[in-house]
């Protein structure tokens, strides 16, 4: 059976799908797109398949950010994550901070991210 499936697969031509939500300028979210595709594709034709993403736009960027949070949360809180308890503990510590401390942490995190991003852009 394995050889039959292998020969069927090898005999197929690769088809580049022209999905309405494809992007022209987003080169960093391929993993998010791949995960969304795996999550929503059930073998239907392209005309019958809609993964829920909008065409490339600011709204699509917001959707991708929401999906990034969703997938990150699922990975971090997964039962098979050996650091799950540590992550949960850190979340509880963060939640116990007052609003000003949380905002300061967010600001510092954004500054660190911007600093790291400089190396990618240069």
C-alpha atoms as a PDB file:
ATOM      1  CA  UNK A   1       0.000   0.000   0.000  1.00  0.00           C
ATOM      2  CA  UNK A   2       2.852   2.395   0.821  1.00  0.00           C
ATOM      3  CA  UNK A   3       4.299   2.151  -2.695  1.00  0.00           C
ATOM      4  CA  UNK A   4       0.858   2.738  -4.195  1.00  0.00           C
ATOM      5  CA  UNK A   5       0.365   5.924  -2.169  1.00  0.00           C
ATOM      6  CA  UNK A   6       3.914   7.029  -2.922  1.00  0.00           C
ATOM      7  CA  UNK A   7       3.469   6.533  -6.664  1.00  0.00           C
ATOM      8  CA  UNK A   8       0.124   8.378  -6.583  1.00  0.00           C
ATOM      9  CA  UNK A   9       1.715  11.279  -4.752  1.00  0.00           C
ATOM     10  CA  UNK A  10       4.745  11.414  -7.038  1.00  0.00           C
ATOM     11  CA  UNK A  11       2.511  11.403 -10.121  1.00  0.00           C
ATOM     12  CA  UNK A  12       0.681  14.563  -9.014  1.00  0.00           C
ATOM     13  CA  UNK A  13       1.636  17.977 -10.304  1.00  0.00           C
ATOM     14  CA  UNK A  14       2.243  20.791  -7.840  1.00  0.00           C
ATOM     15  CA  UNK A  15      -0.351  23.512  -8.204  1.00  0.00           C
ATOM     16  CA  UNK A  16       0.272  26.994  -6.817  1.00  0.00           C
ATOM     17  CA  UNK A  17      -3.066  28.131  -5.464  1.00  0.00           C
ATOM     18  CA  UNK A  18      -4.166  31.714  -5.991  1.00  0.00           C
ATOM     19  CA  UNK A  19      -5.774  32.246  -2.599  1.00  0.00           C
ATOM     20  CA  UNK A  20      -7.620  35.547  -2.078  1.00  0.00           C
ATOM     21  CA  UNK A  21      -5.707  36.129   1.174  1.00  0.00           C
ATOM     22  CA  UNK A  22      -2.242  35.784  -0.391  1.00  0.00           C
ATOM     23  CA  UNK A  23       0.149  38.605   0.354  1.00  0.00           C
ATOM     24  CA  UNK A  24       2.684  40.545  -1.690  1.00  0.00           C
ATOM     25  CA  UNK A  25       4.676  42.203   1.080  1.00  0.00           C
ATOM     26  CA  UNK A  26       4.406  39.913   4.108  1.00  0.00           C
ATOM     27  CA  UNK A  27       7.468  37.683   4.289  1.00  0.00           C
ATOM     28  CA  UNK A  28       7.456  36.894   8.009  1.00  0.00           C
ATOM     29  CA  UNK A  29       4.115  35.231   8.721  1.00  0.00           C
ATOM     30  CA  UNK A  30       4.501  32.076   6.613  1.00  0.00           C
ATOM     31  CA  UNK A  31       4.316  29.928   9.763  1.00  0.00           C
ATOM     32  CA  UNK A  32       1.081  31.607  10.855  1.00  0.00           C
ATOM     33  CA  UNK A  33      -0.408  31.089   7.375  1.00  0.00           C
ATOM     34  CA  UNK A  34       0.704  27.439   7.365  1.00  0.00           C
ATOM     35  CA  UNK A  35      -0.825  26.787  10.788  1.00  0.00           C
ATOM     36  CA  UNK A  36      -4.090  28.501   9.807  1.00  0.00           C
ATOM     37  CA  UNK A  37      -4.222  26.465   6.599  1.00  0.00           C
ATOM     38  CA  UNK A  38      -3.677  23.206   8.495  1.00  0.00           C
ATOM     39  CA  UNK A  39      -6.328  24.237  11.008  1.00  0.00           C
ATOM     40  CA  UNK A  40      -9.022  25.043   8.431  1.00  0.00           C
ATOM     41  CA  UNK A  41      -8.410  22.888   5.350  1.00  0.00           C
ATOM     42  CA  UNK A  42     -10.514  19.757   5.070  1.00  0.00           C
ATOM     43  CA  UNK A  43      -9.794  18.723   1.476  1.00  0.00           C
ATOM     44  CA  UNK A  44     -12.337  20.954  -0.247  1.00  0.00           C
ATOM     45  CA  UNK A  45     -11.687  22.792  -3.484  1.00  0.00           C
ATOM     46  CA  UNK A  46     -10.240  26.287  -3.283  1.00  0.00           C
ATOM     47  CA  UNK A  47     -13.549  27.872  -4.250  1.00  0.00           C
ATOM     48  CA  UNK A  48     -15.230  26.126  -1.295  1.00  0.00           C
ATOM     49  CA  UNK A  49     -12.404  26.737   1.191  1.00  0.00           C
ATOM     50  CA  UNK A  50     -12.126  29.855   3.283  1.00  0.00           C
ATOM     51  CA  UNK A  51      -9.608  29.962   6.099  1.00  0.00           C
ATOM     52  CA  UNK A  52     -11.187  33.143   7.446  1.00  0.00           C
ATOM     53  CA  UNK A  53      -8.350  35.471   6.499  1.00  0.00           C
ATOM     54  CA  UNK A  54      -9.085  38.727   4.733  1.00  0.00           C
ATOM     55  CA  UNK A  55      -7.187  40.044   1.727  1.00  0.00           C
ATOM     56  CA  UNK A  56      -3.852  41.700   2.494  1.00  0.00           C
ATOM     57  CA  UNK A  57      -4.671  44.785   4.543  1.00  0.00           C
ATOM     58  CA  UNK A  58      -4.333  46.313   7.983  1.00  0.00           C
ATOM     59  CA  UNK A  59      -7.278  44.160   9.073  1.00  0.00           C
ATOM     60  CA  UNK A  60      -5.432  41.047   7.909  1.00  0.00           C
ATOM     61  CA  UNK A  61      -2.398  42.138   9.943  1.00  0.00           C
ATOM     62  CA  UNK A  62      -4.649  42.295  13.016  1.00  0.00           C
ATOM     63  CA  UNK A  63      -5.991  38.833  12.237  1.00  0.00           C
ATOM     64  CA  UNK A  64      -2.438  37.485  11.974  1.00  0.00           C
ATOM     65  CA  UNK A  65      -1.520  39.089  15.300  1.00  0.00           C
ATOM     66  CA  UNK A  66      -4.552  37.462  16.936  1.00  0.00           C
ATOM     67  CA  UNK A  67      -3.596  34.088  15.446  1.00  0.00           C
ATOM     68  CA  UNK A  68       0.000  34.517  16.629  1.00  0.00           C
ATOM     69  CA  UNK A  69      -1.312  34.997  20.196  1.00  0.00           C
ATOM     70  CA  UNK A  70      -3.671  32.039  19.817  1.00  0.00           C
ATOM     71  CA  UNK A  71      -0.975  29.640  18.607  1.00  0.00           C
ATOM     72  CA  UNK A  72       1.599  30.900  21.090  1.00  0.00           C
ATOM     73  CA  UNK A  73      -0.837  30.387  23.964  1.00  0.00           C
ATOM     74  CA  UNK A  74      -1.695  26.876  22.819  1.00  0.00           C
ATOM     75  CA  UNK A  75       1.993  25.956  22.550  1.00  0.00           C
ATOM     76  CA  UNK A  76       2.989  27.461  25.895  1.00  0.00           C
ATOM     77  CA  UNK A  77       0.054  25.941  27.794  1.00  0.00           C
ATOM     78  CA  UNK A  78       0.143  22.567  26.069  1.00  0.00           C
ATOM     79  CA  UNK A  79       0.229  19.509  28.309  1.00  0.00           C
ATOM     80  CA  UNK A  80       3.394  18.345  26.539  1.00  0.00           C
ATOM     81  CA  UNK A  81       5.293  21.581  27.209  1.00  0.00           C
ATOM     82  CA  UNK A  82       7.743  20.613  29.952  1.00  0.00           C
ATOM     83  CA  UNK A  83       7.943  24.279  31.003  1.00  0.00           C
ATOM     84  CA  UNK A  84       4.172  24.738  31.235  1.00  0.00           C
ATOM     85  CA  UNK A  85       4.150  25.100  35.034  1.00  0.00           C
ATOM     86  CA  UNK A  86       6.892  27.716  34.883  1.00  0.00           C
ATOM     87  CA  UNK A  87       4.993  29.652  32.203  1.00  0.00           C
ATOM     88  CA  UNK A  88       1.784  29.492  34.239  1.00  0.00           C
ATOM     89  CA  UNK A  89       3.635  30.705  37.333  1.00  0.00           C
ATOM     90  CA  UNK A  90       5.112  33.666  35.411  1.00  0.00           C
ATOM     91  CA  UNK A  91       1.673  34.592  34.066  1.00  0.00           C
ATOM     92  CA  UNK A  92       0.293  34.628  37.611  1.00  0.00           C
ATOM     93  CA  UNK A  93       3.206  36.813  38.775  1.00  0.00           C
ATOM     94  CA  UNK A  94       2.550  39.225  35.903  1.00  0.00           C
ATOM     95  CA  UNK A  95      -1.177  39.350  36.661  1.00  0.00           C
ATOM     96  CA  UNK A  96      -0.386  40.244  40.286  1.00  0.00           C
ATOM     97  CA  UNK A  97       1.549  43.365  39.221  1.00  0.00           C
ATOM     98  CA  UNK A  98      -0.219  46.704  39.222  1.00  0.00           C
ATOM     99  CA  UNK A  99      -1.162  48.348  35.923  1.00  0.00           C
ATOM    100  CA  UNK A 100       1.790  50.769  35.905  1.00  0.00           C
ATOM    101  CA  UNK A 101       4.343  47.968  36.382  1.00  0.00           C
ATOM    102  CA  UNK A 102       2.725  45.933  33.586  1.00  0.00           C
ATOM    103  CA  UNK A 103       2.792  48.917  31.219  1.00  0.00           C
ATOM    104  CA  UNK A 104       6.461  49.542  32.021  1.00  0.00           C
ATOM    105  CA  UNK A 105       7.280  45.899  31.291  1.00  0.00           C
ATOM    106  CA  UNK A 106       5.447  46.115  27.949  1.00  0.00           C
ATOM    107  CA  UNK A 107       7.310  49.292  27.036  1.00  0.00           C
ATOM    108  CA  UNK A 108      10.691  47.768  27.900  1.00  0.00           C
ATOM    109  CA  UNK A 109       9.812  44.622  25.930  1.00  0.00           C
ATOM    110  CA  UNK A 110       8.904  46.700  22.858  1.00  0.00           C
ATOM    111  CA  UNK A 111      12.199  48.595  23.147  1.00  0.00           C
ATOM    112  CA  UNK A 112      14.157  45.312  23.314  1.00  0.00           C
ATOM    113  CA  UNK A 113      12.283  43.964  20.292  1.00  0.00           C
ATOM    114  CA  UNK A 114      12.973  47.150  18.284  1.00  0.00           C
ATOM    115  CA  UNK A 115      16.649  46.918  19.199  1.00  0.00           C
ATOM    116  CA  UNK A 116      16.823  43.293  17.998  1.00  0.00           C
ATOM    117  CA  UNK A 117      14.920  44.139  14.830  1.00  0.00           C
ATOM    118  CA  UNK A 118      17.564  46.689  13.824  1.00  0.00           C
ATOM    119  CA  UNK A 119      19.915  43.824  13.053  1.00  0.00           C
ATOM    120  CA  UNK A 120      17.382  42.186  10.756  1.00  0.00           C
ATOM    121  CA  UNK A 121      16.703  45.364   8.793  1.00  0.00           C
ATOM    122  CA  UNK A 122      20.315  46.534   8.381  1.00  0.00           C
END
